[in-house]
C-alpha atoms as a PDB file:
ATOM      1  CA  LEU A   1     103.067  55.636  35.134  1.00  0.00           C
ATOM      2  CA  LEU A   2     103.218  54.618  38.775  1.00  0.00           C
ATOM      3  CA  ARG A   3     106.232  52.419  38.155  1.00  0.00           C
ATOM      4  CA  LEU A   4     107.828  55.065  35.951  1.00  0.00           C
ATOM      5  CA  ALA A   5     107.457  57.619  38.721  1.00  0.00           C
ATOM      6  CA  ASP A   6     109.811  55.492  40.820  1.00  0.00           C
ATOM      7  CA  ALA A   7     112.580  55.036  38.234  1.00  0.00           C
ATOM      8  CA  PRO A   8     111.766  56.992  35.055  1.00  0.00           C
ATOM      9  CA  GLN A   9     115.294  57.049  33.646  1.00  0.00           C
ATOM     10  CA  THR A  10     115.995  53.316  33.789  1.00  0.00           C
ATOM     11  CA  GLN A  11     112.734  51.835  32.517  1.00  0.00           C
ATOM     12  CA  THR A  12     112.891  51.858  28.709  1.00  0.00           C
ATOM     13  CA  ARG A  13     110.620  48.816  28.473  1.00  0.00           C
ATOM     14  CA  LEU A  14     107.954  50.492  30.628  1.00  0.00           C
ATOM     15  CA  TRP A  15     108.076  53.650  28.518  1.00  0.00           C
ATOM     16  CA  LEU A  16     107.402  51.530  25.425  1.00  0.00           C
ATOM     17  CA  ILE A  17     104.539  49.793  27.223  1.00  0.00           C
ATOM     18  CA  TYR A  18     103.101  53.187  28.184  1.00  0.00           C
ATOM     19  CA  VAL A  19     103.266  54.395  24.557  1.00  0.00           C
ATOM     20  CA  ALA A  20     101.529  51.241  23.302  1.00  0.00           C
ATOM     21  CA  ALA A  21      98.858  51.287  26.017  1.00  0.00           C
ATOM     22  CA  ALA A  22      98.146  55.001  25.611  1.00  0.00           C
ATOM     23  CA  ALA A  23      97.825  54.727  21.845  1.00  0.00           C
ATOM     24  CA  ALA A  24      95.563  51.682  22.193  1.00  0.00           C
ATOM     25  CA  ALA A  25      93.397  53.584  24.695  1.00  0.00           C
ATOM     26  CA  LEU A  26      92.955  56.460  22.242  1.00  0.00           C
ATOM     27  CA  TYR A  27      91.987  54.116  19.423  1.00  0.00           C
ATOM     28  CA  THR A  28      89.525  52.378  21.756  1.00  0.00           C
ATOM     29  CA  HIS A  29      87.785  55.486  23.159  1.00  0.00           C
ATOM     30  CA  TYR A  30      88.082  59.025  21.824  1.00  0.00           C
ATOM     31  CA  PHE A  31      88.000  60.638  25.247  1.00  0.00           C
ATOM     32  CA  ALA A  32      90.811  58.480  26.582  1.00  0.00           C
ATOM     33  CA  LEU A  33      92.779  61.626  25.772  1.00  0.00           C
ATOM     34  CA  PHE A  34      91.320  63.267  28.875  1.00  0.00           C
ATOM     35  CA  LEU A  35      92.147  60.223  30.995  1.00  0.00           C
ATOM     36  CA  LEU A  36      95.762  60.367  29.822  1.00  0.00           C
ATOM     37  CA  LEU A  37      95.872  64.093  30.591  1.00  0.00           C
ATOM     38  CA  GLY A  38      94.494  63.518  34.084  1.00  0.00           C
ATOM     39  CA  LEU A  39      96.926  60.734  34.954  1.00  0.00           C
ATOM     40  CA  GLY A  40      99.717  62.791  33.416  1.00  0.00           C
ATOM     41  CA  CYS A  41      98.886  65.695  35.737  1.00  0.00           C
ATOM     42  CA  ALA A  42      99.050  63.346  38.732  1.00  0.00           C
ATOM     43  CA  TRP A  43     102.397  62.005  37.517  1.00  0.00           C
ATOM     44  CA  LEU A  44     103.855  65.480  36.953  1.00  0.00           C
ATOM     45  CA  LEU A  45     102.730  66.623  40.409  1.00  0.00           C
ATOM     46  CA  GLU A  46     104.566  63.672  41.904  1.00  0.00           C
ATOM     47  CA  MET A  47     107.705  64.132  39.837  1.00  0.00           C
ATOM     48  CA  ARG A  48     108.108  67.916  39.988  1.00  0.00           C
ATOM     49  CA  PRO A  49     109.824  68.207  43.402  1.00  0.00           C
ATOM     50  CA  ARG A  50     112.186  65.269  42.837  1.00  0.00           C
ATOM     51  CA  PRO A  51     115.852  65.439  41.810  1.00  0.00           C
ATOM     52  CA  GLY A  52     116.255  64.748  38.114  1.00  0.00           C
ATOM     53  CA  ALA A  53     112.674  65.771  37.426  1.00  0.00           C
ATOM     54  CA  ARG A  54     113.589  67.726  34.300  1.00  0.00           C
ATOM     55  CA  ARG A  55     114.999  64.688  32.529  1.00  0.00           C
ATOM     56  CA  ALA A  56     112.078  62.530  33.637  1.00  0.00           C
ATOM     57  CA  ILE A  57     109.599  65.085  32.320  1.00  0.00           C
ATOM     58  CA  GLY A  58     111.530  65.157  29.046  1.00  0.00           C
ATOM     59  CA  LEU A  59     111.118  61.397  28.731  1.00  0.00           C
ATOM     60  CA  TYR A  60     107.421  61.753  29.473  1.00  0.00           C
ATOM     61  CA  ALA A  61     107.062  64.427  26.776  1.00  0.00           C
ATOM     62  CA  ALA A  62     108.878  62.236  24.249  1.00  0.00           C
ATOM     63  CA  ALA A  63     106.631  59.273  25.078  1.00  0.00           C
ATOM     64  CA  ASN A  64     103.501  61.342  24.548  1.00  0.00           C
ATOM     65  CA  ALA A  65     104.870  62.710  21.292  1.00  0.00           C
ATOM     66  CA  ALA A  66     105.210  59.106  20.127  1.00  0.00           C
ATOM     67  CA  VAL A  67     101.602  58.455  21.183  1.00  0.00           C
ATOM     68  CA  ALA A  68     100.454  61.494  19.189  1.00  0.00           C
ATOM     69  CA  LEU A  69     102.303  60.280  16.100  1.00  0.00           C
ATOM     70  CA  LEU A  70     100.711  56.843  16.377  1.00  0.00           C
ATOM     71  CA  TYR A  71      97.261  58.427  16.628  1.00  0.00           C
ATOM     72  CA  LEU A  72      97.754  61.026  13.912  1.00  0.00           C
ATOM     73  CA  PRO A  73      96.166  58.933  11.101  1.00  0.00           C
ATOM     74  CA  TRP A  74      92.829  58.956  12.960  1.00  0.00           C
ATOM     75  CA  MET A  75      92.678  62.665  13.847  1.00  0.00           C
ATOM     76  CA  ALA A  76      90.741  63.729  10.733  1.00  0.00           C
ATOM     77  CA  ILE A  77      87.962  61.282  11.623  1.00  0.00           C
ATOM     78  CA  VAL A  78      87.851  62.513  15.226  1.00  0.00           C
ATOM     79  CA  TRP A  79      87.485  66.111  14.078  1.00  0.00           C
ATOM     80  CA  ALA A  80      84.732  65.195  11.614  1.00  0.00           C
ATOM     81  CA  GLN A  81      82.735  63.301  14.232  1.00  0.00           C
ATOM     82  CA  LEU A  82      82.920  66.195  16.679  1.00  0.00           C
ATOM     83  CA  ARG A  83      81.364  68.452  14.037  1.00  0.00           C
ATOM     84  CA  VAL A  84      78.466  66.234  12.989  1.00  0.00           C
ATOM     85  CA  ASP A  85      75.575  64.346  14.590  1.00  0.00           C
ATOM     86  CA  ARG A  86      74.331  66.440  17.501  1.00  0.00           C
ATOM     87  CA  SER A  87      71.397  64.152  18.131  1.00  0.00           C
ATOM     88  CA  TYR A  88      72.556  62.964  21.535  1.00  0.00           C
ATOM     89  CA  TRP A  89      71.723  66.238  23.278  1.00  0.00           C
ATOM     90  CA  LEU A  90      69.185  68.565  21.685  1.00  0.00           C
ATOM     91  CA  GLY A  91      69.689  72.271  22.266  1.00  0.00           C
ATOM     92  CA  ASP A  92      72.119  73.730  24.810  1.00  0.00           C
ATOM     93  CA  LEU A  93      73.702  71.385  27.300  1.00  0.00           C
ATOM     94  CA  LYS A  94      72.254  71.695  30.795  1.00  0.00           C
ATOM     95  CA  LEU A  95      75.389  71.224  32.875  1.00  0.00           C
ATOM     96  CA  GLN A  96      73.609  70.426  36.138  1.00  0.00           C
ATOM     97  CA  GLU A  97      71.393  67.829  34.467  1.00  0.00           C
ATOM     98  CA  ALA A  98      74.334  66.232  32.669  1.00  0.00           C
ATOM     99  CA  THR A  99      76.419  66.059  35.860  1.00  0.00           C
ATOM    100  CA  LEU A 100      73.524  64.462  37.731  1.00  0.00           C
ATOM    101  CA  ASP A 101      73.100  61.973  34.901  1.00  0.00           C
ATOM    102  CA  VAL A 102      76.756  60.947  35.226  1.00  0.00           C
ATOM    103  CA  ALA A 103      76.426  60.572  39.010  1.00  0.00           C
ATOM    104  CA  LEU A 104      73.366  58.359  38.644  1.00  0.00           C
ATOM    105  CA  ARG A 105      75.003  56.147  36.019  1.00  0.00           C
ATOM    106  CA  PHE A 106      78.192  55.805  38.079  1.00  0.00           C
ATOM    107  CA  SER A 107      76.271  54.810  41.211  1.00  0.00           C
ATOM    108  CA  SER A 108      72.959  53.054  40.463  1.00  0.00           C
ATOM    109  CA  GLY A 109      73.353  52.420  36.745  1.00  0.00           C
ATOM    110  CA  GLU A 110      70.743  52.375  33.994  1.00  0.00           C
ATOM    111  CA  THR A 111      68.186  49.922  35.367  1.00  0.00           C
ATOM    112  CA  MET A 112      67.053  51.548  38.623  1.00  0.00           C
ATOM    113  CA  ALA A 113      64.117  53.971  38.816  1.00  0.00           C
ATOM    114  CA  GLU A 114      65.402  57.555  38.840  1.00  0.00           C
ATOM    115  CA  ARG A 115      63.573  58.491  42.034  1.00  0.00           C
ATOM    116  CA  THR A 116      65.207  55.635  43.933  1.00  0.00           C
ATOM    117  CA  ALA A 117      68.588  56.344  42.365  1.00  0.00           C
ATOM    118  CA  LEU A 118      68.388  59.986  43.466  1.00  0.00           C
ATOM    119  CA  TRP A 119      67.875  58.955  47.089  1.00  0.00           C
ATOM    120  CA  LEU A 120      70.732  56.472  46.859  1.00  0.00           C
ATOM    121  CA  LEU A 121      73.086  59.271  45.800  1.00  0.00           C
ATOM    122  CA  LEU A 122      73.198  60.403  49.442  1.00  0.00           C
ATOM    123  CA  PRO A 123      74.774  57.225  50.856  1.00  0.00           C
ATOM    124  CA  TYR A 124      77.043  56.949  47.820  1.00  0.00           C
ATOM    125  CA  ALA A 125      78.230  60.514  48.412  1.00  0.00           C
ATOM    126  CA  ALA A 126      78.814  59.737  52.100  1.00  0.00           C
ATOM    127  CA  ILE A 127      80.852  56.633  51.211  1.00  0.00           C
ATOM    128  CA  THR A 128      82.937  58.645  48.754  1.00  0.00           C
ATOM    129  CA  LEU A 129      83.626  61.375  51.312  1.00  0.00           C
ATOM    130  CA  LEU A 130      84.564  58.846  54.011  1.00  0.00           C
ATOM    131  CA  ALA A 131      86.863  57.031  51.595  1.00  0.00           C
ATOM    132  CA  CYS A 132      88.688  60.228  50.632  1.00  0.00           C
ATOM    133  CA  VAL A 133      89.077  61.338  54.262  1.00  0.00           C
ATOM    134  CA  ALA A 134      90.414  57.905  55.213  1.00  0.00           C
ATOM    135  CA  LEU A 135      93.022  58.045  52.442  1.00  0.00           C
ATOM    136  CA  VAL A 136      94.101  61.581  53.363  1.00  0.00           C
ATOM    137  CA  ARG A 137      94.739  60.475  56.945  1.00  0.00           C
ATOM    138  CA  GLN A 138      96.837  57.472  55.980  1.00  0.00           C
ATOM    139  CA  ALA A 139     100.407  56.911  54.847  1.00  0.00           C
ATOM    140  CA  ARG A 140     102.046  58.318  51.736  1.00  0.00           C
ATOM    141  CA  GLN A 141     101.047  55.404  49.502  1.00  0.00           C
ATOM    142  CA  ALA A 142      97.375  55.828  50.365  1.00  0.00           C
ATOM    143  CA  ARG A 143      97.531  59.547  49.581  1.00  0.00           C
ATOM    144  CA  ARG A 144      99.211  58.633  46.300  1.00  0.00           C
ATOM    145  CA  LEU A 145      96.222  56.432  45.484  1.00  0.00           C
ATOM    146  CA  LEU A 146      93.941  59.367  46.258  1.00  0.00           C
ATOM    147  CA  VAL A 147      95.779  61.674  43.837  1.00  0.00           C
ATOM    148  CA  TYR A 148      95.929  59.245  40.921  1.00  0.00           C
ATOM    149  CA  ALA A 149      92.405  57.885  41.364  1.00  0.00           C
ATOM    150  CA  GLY A 150      91.067  61.415  41.871  1.00  0.00           C
ATOM    151  CA  PHE A 151      92.563  62.613  38.598  1.00  0.00           C
ATOM    152  CA  TRP A 152      91.390  59.398  36.919  1.00  0.00           C
ATOM    153  CA  LEU A 153      87.823  60.179  38.002  1.00  0.00           C
ATOM    154  CA  LEU A 154      87.617  63.943  37.599  1.00  0.00           C
ATOM    155  CA  ALA A 155      89.691  64.764  34.519  1.00  0.00           C
ATOM    156  CA  PRO A 156      87.576  62.900  31.926  1.00  0.00           C
ATOM    157  CA  VAL A 157      84.254  64.004  33.451  1.00  0.00           C
ATOM    158  CA  VAL A 158      85.199  67.686  33.687  1.00  0.00           C
ATOM    159  CA  ALA A 159      86.823  67.754  30.242  1.00  0.00           C
ATOM    160  CA  VAL A 160      83.960  65.997  28.429  1.00  0.00           C
ATOM    161  CA  LEU A 161      81.349  68.236  30.064  1.00  0.00           C
ATOM    162  CA  ALA A 162      83.389  71.327  29.156  1.00  0.00           C
ATOM    163  CA  LEU A 163      83.640  70.111  25.567  1.00  0.00           C
ATOM    164  CA  ALA A 164      79.891  69.470  25.471  1.00  0.00           C
ATOM    165  CA  LEU A 165      79.198  73.068  26.450  1.00  0.00           C
ATOM    166  CA  ASN A 166      80.555  74.138  23.048  1.00  0.00           C
ATOM    167  CA  ILE A 167      79.444  71.084  21.071  1.00  0.00           C
ATOM    168  CA  PRO A 168      76.178  69.838  22.637  1.00  0.00           C
ATOM    169  CA  LYS A 169      76.862  66.174  22.066  1.00  0.00           C
ATOM    170  CA  PHE A 170      76.864  64.250  25.339  1.00  0.00           C
ATOM    171  CA  ASN A 171      76.016  60.841  26.723  1.00  0.00           C
ATOM    172  CA  PRO A 172      77.122  59.407  30.090  1.00  0.00           C
ATOM    173  CA  ARG A 173      78.896  56.597  28.283  1.00  0.00           C
ATOM    174  CA  TYR A 174      81.385  59.178  27.021  1.00  0.00           C
ATOM    175  CA  VAL A 175      82.878  59.334  30.521  1.00  0.00           C
ATOM    176  CA  MET A 176      82.635  55.652  31.400  1.00  0.00           C
ATOM    177  CA  LEU A 177      86.424  55.339  31.391  1.00  0.00           C
ATOM    178  CA  ALA A 178      86.459  57.595  34.497  1.00  0.00           C
ATOM    179  CA  LEU A 179      84.489  55.077  36.587  1.00  0.00           C
ATOM    180  CA  PRO A 180      87.509  52.967  37.669  1.00  0.00           C
ATOM    181  CA  GLY A 181      88.860  56.052  39.449  1.00  0.00           C
ATOM    182  CA  LEU A 182      85.743  56.172  41.627  1.00  0.00           C
ATOM    183  CA  LEU A 183      85.856  52.434  42.291  1.00  0.00           C
ATOM    184  CA  LEU A 184      89.511  52.687  43.328  1.00  0.00           C
ATOM    185  CA  LEU A 185      88.672  55.526  45.727  1.00  0.00           C
ATOM    186  CA  TRP A 186      85.920  53.461  47.296  1.00  0.00           C
ATOM    187  CA  ALA A 187      88.039  50.318  47.533  1.00  0.00           C
ATOM    188  CA  GLY A 188      91.118  52.066  48.909  1.00  0.00           C
ATOM    189  CA  GLY A 189      89.195  54.255  51.346  1.00  0.00           C
ATOM    190  CA  LEU A 190      87.052  51.446  52.719  1.00  0.00           C
ATOM    191  CA  ALA A 191      90.122  49.243  53.071  1.00  0.00           C
ATOM    192  CA  ALA A 192      91.787  52.068  54.992  1.00  0.00           C
ATOM    193  CA  LEU A 193      88.806  52.348  57.320  1.00  0.00           C
ATOM    194  CA  ALA A 194      88.788  48.585  57.883  1.00  0.00           C
ATOM    195  CA  SER A 195      92.515  48.140  58.431  1.00  0.00           C
ATOM    196  CA  GLY A 196      93.401  51.157  60.533  1.00  0.00           C
ATOM    197  CA  ARG A 197      96.509  53.301  60.312  1.00  0.00           C
ATOM    198  CA  GLU A 198      99.055  50.603  61.051  1.00  0.00           C
ATOM    199  CA  GLY A 199      97.787  48.125  58.476  1.00  0.00           C
ATOM    200  CA  ILE A 200      97.366  50.523  55.595  1.00  0.00           C
ATOM    201  CA  GLY A 201     100.385  49.394  53.591  1.00  0.00           C
ATOM    202  CA  ARG A 202      98.995  46.100  52.381  1.00  0.00           C
ATOM    203  CA  PRO A 203      95.349  46.772  51.545  1.00  0.00           C
ATOM    204  CA  VAL A 204      95.553  50.087  49.705  1.00  0.00           C
ATOM    205  CA  SER A 205      99.098  50.574  48.507  1.00  0.00           C
ATOM    206  CA  TRP A 206      98.587  48.922  45.073  1.00  0.00           C
ATOM    207  CA  ARG A 207     101.540  46.845  46.221  1.00  0.00           C
ATOM    208  CA  ASN A 208     102.248  45.367  42.813  1.00  0.00           C
ATOM    209  CA  LEU A 209     101.999  48.735  41.069  1.00  0.00           C
ATOM    210  CA  VAL A 210     103.400  51.491  43.240  1.00  0.00           C
ATOM    211  CA  SER A 211     106.694  52.208  44.886  1.00  0.00           C
ATOM    212  CA  LYS A 212     108.143  50.409  47.847  1.00  0.00           C
ATOM    213  CA  PRO A 213     107.206  51.811  51.312  1.00  0.00           C
END
């Protein structure tokens, strides 16, 4: 998607790779749908003000239609599994408790005592805030990282929790595919803090993935 944002109308091979990767993600993890939606929102935000955006968005819509067709044979099973087996979360979902559970699993993991993990949330939150501020203050490529990684992190978590409010079936592993977004925010933000404004291009630009400076 990052490469396609730079030249969407001349990258047929990359569109095919996107279709294959997106379909494979859906077959690997049901809630990859929410990851694709989140990254798609980031891509559309980037493309919307550009010349030729309408054609690019048309190509994006066609690619996602192809993904949907490839996944169609499995949809009946997805629907059935959403309707059965509510054993993961008994009763109504407690949104605050579920959100805290995700935060603990994303930071300290499963093996640390909960009391210790709760205290460690404070420095983790501070690191996350510093990383985001550092990216906001840097060059365009760093802010681009912030947008894509932010959608990568938030879209699956918010969507799965919203779904669980209606169907109380939730486990933190359902949102594990959002974790790379958080790790990218940390890595990019800390690299920005370490390198300073002038050196930001190399450490956090995803040089092999994003557009040229």
